[in-house]
């Protein structure tokens, strides 16, 4: 079944939005933050990141705050927060369902 537009997020999408919760960041700062947060488990390449930033800005999930010294700083919008929260809830439900069955095996 095809994924509906932004009904579920890829891992990279999730972490890009998550990285903008605390403070505005520029592209390279987002990449560094995600790598640090996930201890290197999630790697977002520059091409993927900038395509996501463009898409998220176009769809109103993030807002360009300023262009400073050649860097664009983004912040998450209310709509972006709602999409991120919905994905967080969806992921928690997945884990809870798994816990019900996988927990029986322990």
C-alpha atoms as a PDB file:
ATOM      1  CA  UNK A   1       0.000   0.000   0.000  1.00  0.00           C
ATOM      2  CA  UNK A   2       1.339   3.418  -0.937  1.00  0.00           C
ATOM      3  CA  UNK A   3       2.155   5.823   1.868  1.00  0.00           C
ATOM      4  CA  UNK A   4      -0.164   8.830   2.041  1.00  0.00           C
ATOM      5  CA  UNK A   5       1.512  12.200   1.852  1.00  0.00           C
ATOM      6  CA  UNK A   6       3.140  12.862   5.258  1.00  0.00           C
ATOM      7  CA  UNK A   7       0.888  10.362   7.032  1.00  0.00           C
ATOM      8  CA  UNK A   8       4.027   8.487   7.969  1.00  0.00           C
ATOM      9  CA  UNK A   9       7.563   9.832   7.931  1.00  0.00           C
ATOM     10  CA  UNK A  10      10.799   8.210   6.910  1.00  0.00           C
ATOM     11  CA  UNK A  11      13.474   8.032   9.575  1.00  0.00           C
ATOM     12  CA  UNK A  12      15.317  10.953   7.962  1.00  0.00           C
ATOM     13  CA  UNK A  13      12.135  13.060   7.817  1.00  0.00           C
ATOM     14  CA  UNK A  14      11.402  12.362  11.471  1.00  0.00           C
ATOM     15  CA  UNK A  15      14.872  13.375  12.615  1.00  0.00           C
ATOM     16  CA  UNK A  16      14.997  16.538  10.506  1.00  0.00           C
ATOM     17  CA  UNK A  17      11.794  17.778  12.132  1.00  0.00           C
ATOM     18  CA  UNK A  18      12.926  16.584  15.566  1.00  0.00           C
ATOM     19  CA  UNK A  19      16.197  18.494  15.198  1.00  0.00           C
ATOM     20  CA  UNK A  20      14.307  21.766  14.829  1.00  0.00           C
ATOM     21  CA  UNK A  21      12.286  21.468  18.060  1.00  0.00           C
ATOM     22  CA  UNK A  22      14.824  23.041  20.411  1.00  0.00           C
ATOM     23  CA  UNK A  23      16.248  25.819  18.271  1.00  0.00           C
ATOM     24  CA  UNK A  24      16.594  27.005  14.678  1.00  0.00           C
ATOM     25  CA  UNK A  25      19.337  25.259  12.737  1.00  0.00           C
ATOM     26  CA  UNK A  26      20.986  25.445   9.348  1.00  0.00           C
ATOM     27  CA  UNK A  27      21.447  22.416   7.114  1.00  0.00           C
ATOM     28  CA  UNK A  28      24.884  21.348   8.295  1.00  0.00           C
ATOM     29  CA  UNK A  29      23.802  21.936  11.904  1.00  0.00           C
ATOM     30  CA  UNK A  30      20.844  19.616  11.348  1.00  0.00           C
ATOM     31  CA  UNK A  31      23.136  16.907   9.983  1.00  0.00           C
ATOM     32  CA  UNK A  32      25.478  17.225  12.961  1.00  0.00           C
ATOM     33  CA  UNK A  33      22.645  17.262  15.494  1.00  0.00           C
ATOM     34  CA  UNK A  34      20.999  14.136  14.081  1.00  0.00           C
ATOM     35  CA  UNK A  35      24.300  12.294  13.986  1.00  0.00           C
ATOM     36  CA  UNK A  36      25.039  13.262  17.594  1.00  0.00           C
ATOM     37  CA  UNK A  37      21.511  12.472  18.817  1.00  0.00           C
ATOM     38  CA  UNK A  38      21.493   9.029  17.188  1.00  0.00           C
ATOM     39  CA  UNK A  39      25.157   8.329  17.980  1.00  0.00           C
ATOM     40  CA  UNK A  40      25.857   8.026  14.252  1.00  0.00           C
ATOM     41  CA  UNK A  41      23.081   5.508  13.595  1.00  0.00           C
ATOM     42  CA  UNK A  42      21.175   7.884  11.309  1.00  0.00           C
ATOM     43  CA  UNK A  43      23.116   9.564   8.544  1.00  0.00           C
ATOM     44  CA  UNK A  44      21.380  12.161   6.416  1.00  0.00           C
ATOM     45  CA  UNK A  45      23.241  12.978   3.238  1.00  0.00           C
ATOM     46  CA  UNK A  46      23.348  16.537   1.961  1.00  0.00           C
ATOM     47  CA  UNK A  47      21.192  15.765  -1.095  1.00  0.00           C
ATOM     48  CA  UNK A  48      18.503  14.115   1.011  1.00  0.00           C
ATOM     49  CA  UNK A  49      18.597  16.869   3.620  1.00  0.00           C
ATOM     50  CA  UNK A  50      18.260  19.770   1.208  1.00  0.00           C
ATOM     51  CA  UNK A  51      15.472  18.021  -0.716  1.00  0.00           C
ATOM     52  CA  UNK A  52      13.619  17.491   2.578  1.00  0.00           C
ATOM     53  CA  UNK A  53      14.153  21.090   3.690  1.00  0.00           C
ATOM     54  CA  UNK A  54      12.787  22.356   0.382  1.00  0.00           C
ATOM     55  CA  UNK A  55       9.791  20.008   0.582  1.00  0.00           C
ATOM     56  CA  UNK A  56       9.081  20.777   4.245  1.00  0.00           C
ATOM     57  CA  UNK A  57       9.240  24.509   3.606  1.00  0.00           C
ATOM     58  CA  UNK A  58       6.938  24.197   0.585  1.00  0.00           C
ATOM     59  CA  UNK A  59       4.443  22.144   2.635  1.00  0.00           C
ATOM     60  CA  UNK A  60       4.557  24.506   5.606  1.00  0.00           C
ATOM     61  CA  UNK A  61       6.254  22.161   8.081  1.00  0.00           C
ATOM     62  CA  UNK A  62       9.249  24.443   8.558  1.00  0.00           C
ATOM     63  CA  UNK A  63       9.898  28.136   8.113  1.00  0.00           C
ATOM     64  CA  UNK A  64      13.016  29.866   6.846  1.00  0.00           C
ATOM     65  CA  UNK A  65      13.984  32.313   9.606  1.00  0.00           C
ATOM     66  CA  UNK A  66      17.031  33.986   8.194  1.00  0.00           C
ATOM     67  CA  UNK A  67      19.820  33.766   5.682  1.00  0.00           C
ATOM     68  CA  UNK A  68      23.043  34.530   7.537  1.00  0.00           C
ATOM     69  CA  UNK A  69      26.609  34.191   6.249  1.00  0.00           C
ATOM     70  CA  UNK A  70      25.473  31.920   3.417  1.00  0.00           C
ATOM     71  CA  UNK A  71      23.464  29.663   5.722  1.00  0.00           C
ATOM     72  CA  UNK A  72      19.706  29.310   5.874  1.00  0.00           C
ATOM     73  CA  UNK A  73      18.292  28.861   9.368  1.00  0.00           C
ATOM     74  CA  UNK A  74      15.026  26.972   9.729  1.00  0.00           C
ATOM     75  CA  UNK A  75      12.513  26.493  12.518  1.00  0.00           C
ATOM     76  CA  UNK A  76       9.651  24.030  12.808  1.00  0.00           C
ATOM     77  CA  UNK A  77       6.133  25.428  12.272  1.00  0.00           C
ATOM     78  CA  UNK A  78       2.993  24.515  14.201  1.00  0.00           C
ATOM     79  CA  UNK A  79       1.973  22.235  11.334  1.00  0.00           C
ATOM     80  CA  UNK A  80       5.405  20.590  11.503  1.00  0.00           C
ATOM     81  CA  UNK A  81       4.998  20.049  15.245  1.00  0.00           C
ATOM     82  CA  UNK A  82       1.627  18.412  14.635  1.00  0.00           C
ATOM     83  CA  UNK A  83       3.019  16.088  11.951  1.00  0.00           C
ATOM     84  CA  UNK A  84       5.970  15.186  14.198  1.00  0.00           C
ATOM     85  CA  UNK A  85       3.696  14.539  17.194  1.00  0.00           C
ATOM     86  CA  UNK A  86       1.413  12.321  15.091  1.00  0.00           C
ATOM     87  CA  UNK A  87       4.401  10.308  13.883  1.00  0.00           C
ATOM     88  CA  UNK A  88       5.722   9.993  17.446  1.00  0.00           C
ATOM     89  CA  UNK A  89       2.339   8.635  18.563  1.00  0.00           C
ATOM     90  CA  UNK A  90       2.263   6.208  15.627  1.00  0.00           C
ATOM     91  CA  UNK A  91       5.742   4.912  16.465  1.00  0.00           C
ATOM     92  CA  UNK A  92       4.855   4.487  20.156  1.00  0.00           C
ATOM     93  CA  UNK A  93       1.832   2.403  19.120  1.00  0.00           C
ATOM     94  CA  UNK A  94       4.044   0.214  16.939  1.00  0.00           C
ATOM     95  CA  UNK A  95       6.397  -0.391  19.845  1.00  0.00           C
ATOM     96  CA  UNK A  96       3.518  -1.075  22.242  1.00  0.00           C
ATOM     97  CA  UNK A  97       2.058  -3.652  19.842  1.00  0.00           C
ATOM     98  CA  UNK A  98       5.457  -5.283  19.529  1.00  0.00           C
ATOM     99  CA  UNK A  99       5.903  -5.287  23.302  1.00  0.00           C
ATOM    100  CA  UNK A 100       2.619  -7.188  23.675  1.00  0.00           C
ATOM    101  CA  UNK A 101       3.844 -10.038  21.506  1.00  0.00           C
ATOM    102  CA  UNK A 102       7.616  -9.892  21.809  1.00  0.00           C
ATOM    103  CA  UNK A 103       7.369  -9.486  25.578  1.00  0.00           C
ATOM    104  CA  UNK A 104       5.708 -12.907  25.712  1.00  0.00           C
ATOM    105  CA  UNK A 105       8.825 -14.497  24.271  1.00  0.00           C
ATOM    106  CA  UNK A 106      11.096 -13.322  27.083  1.00  0.00           C
END
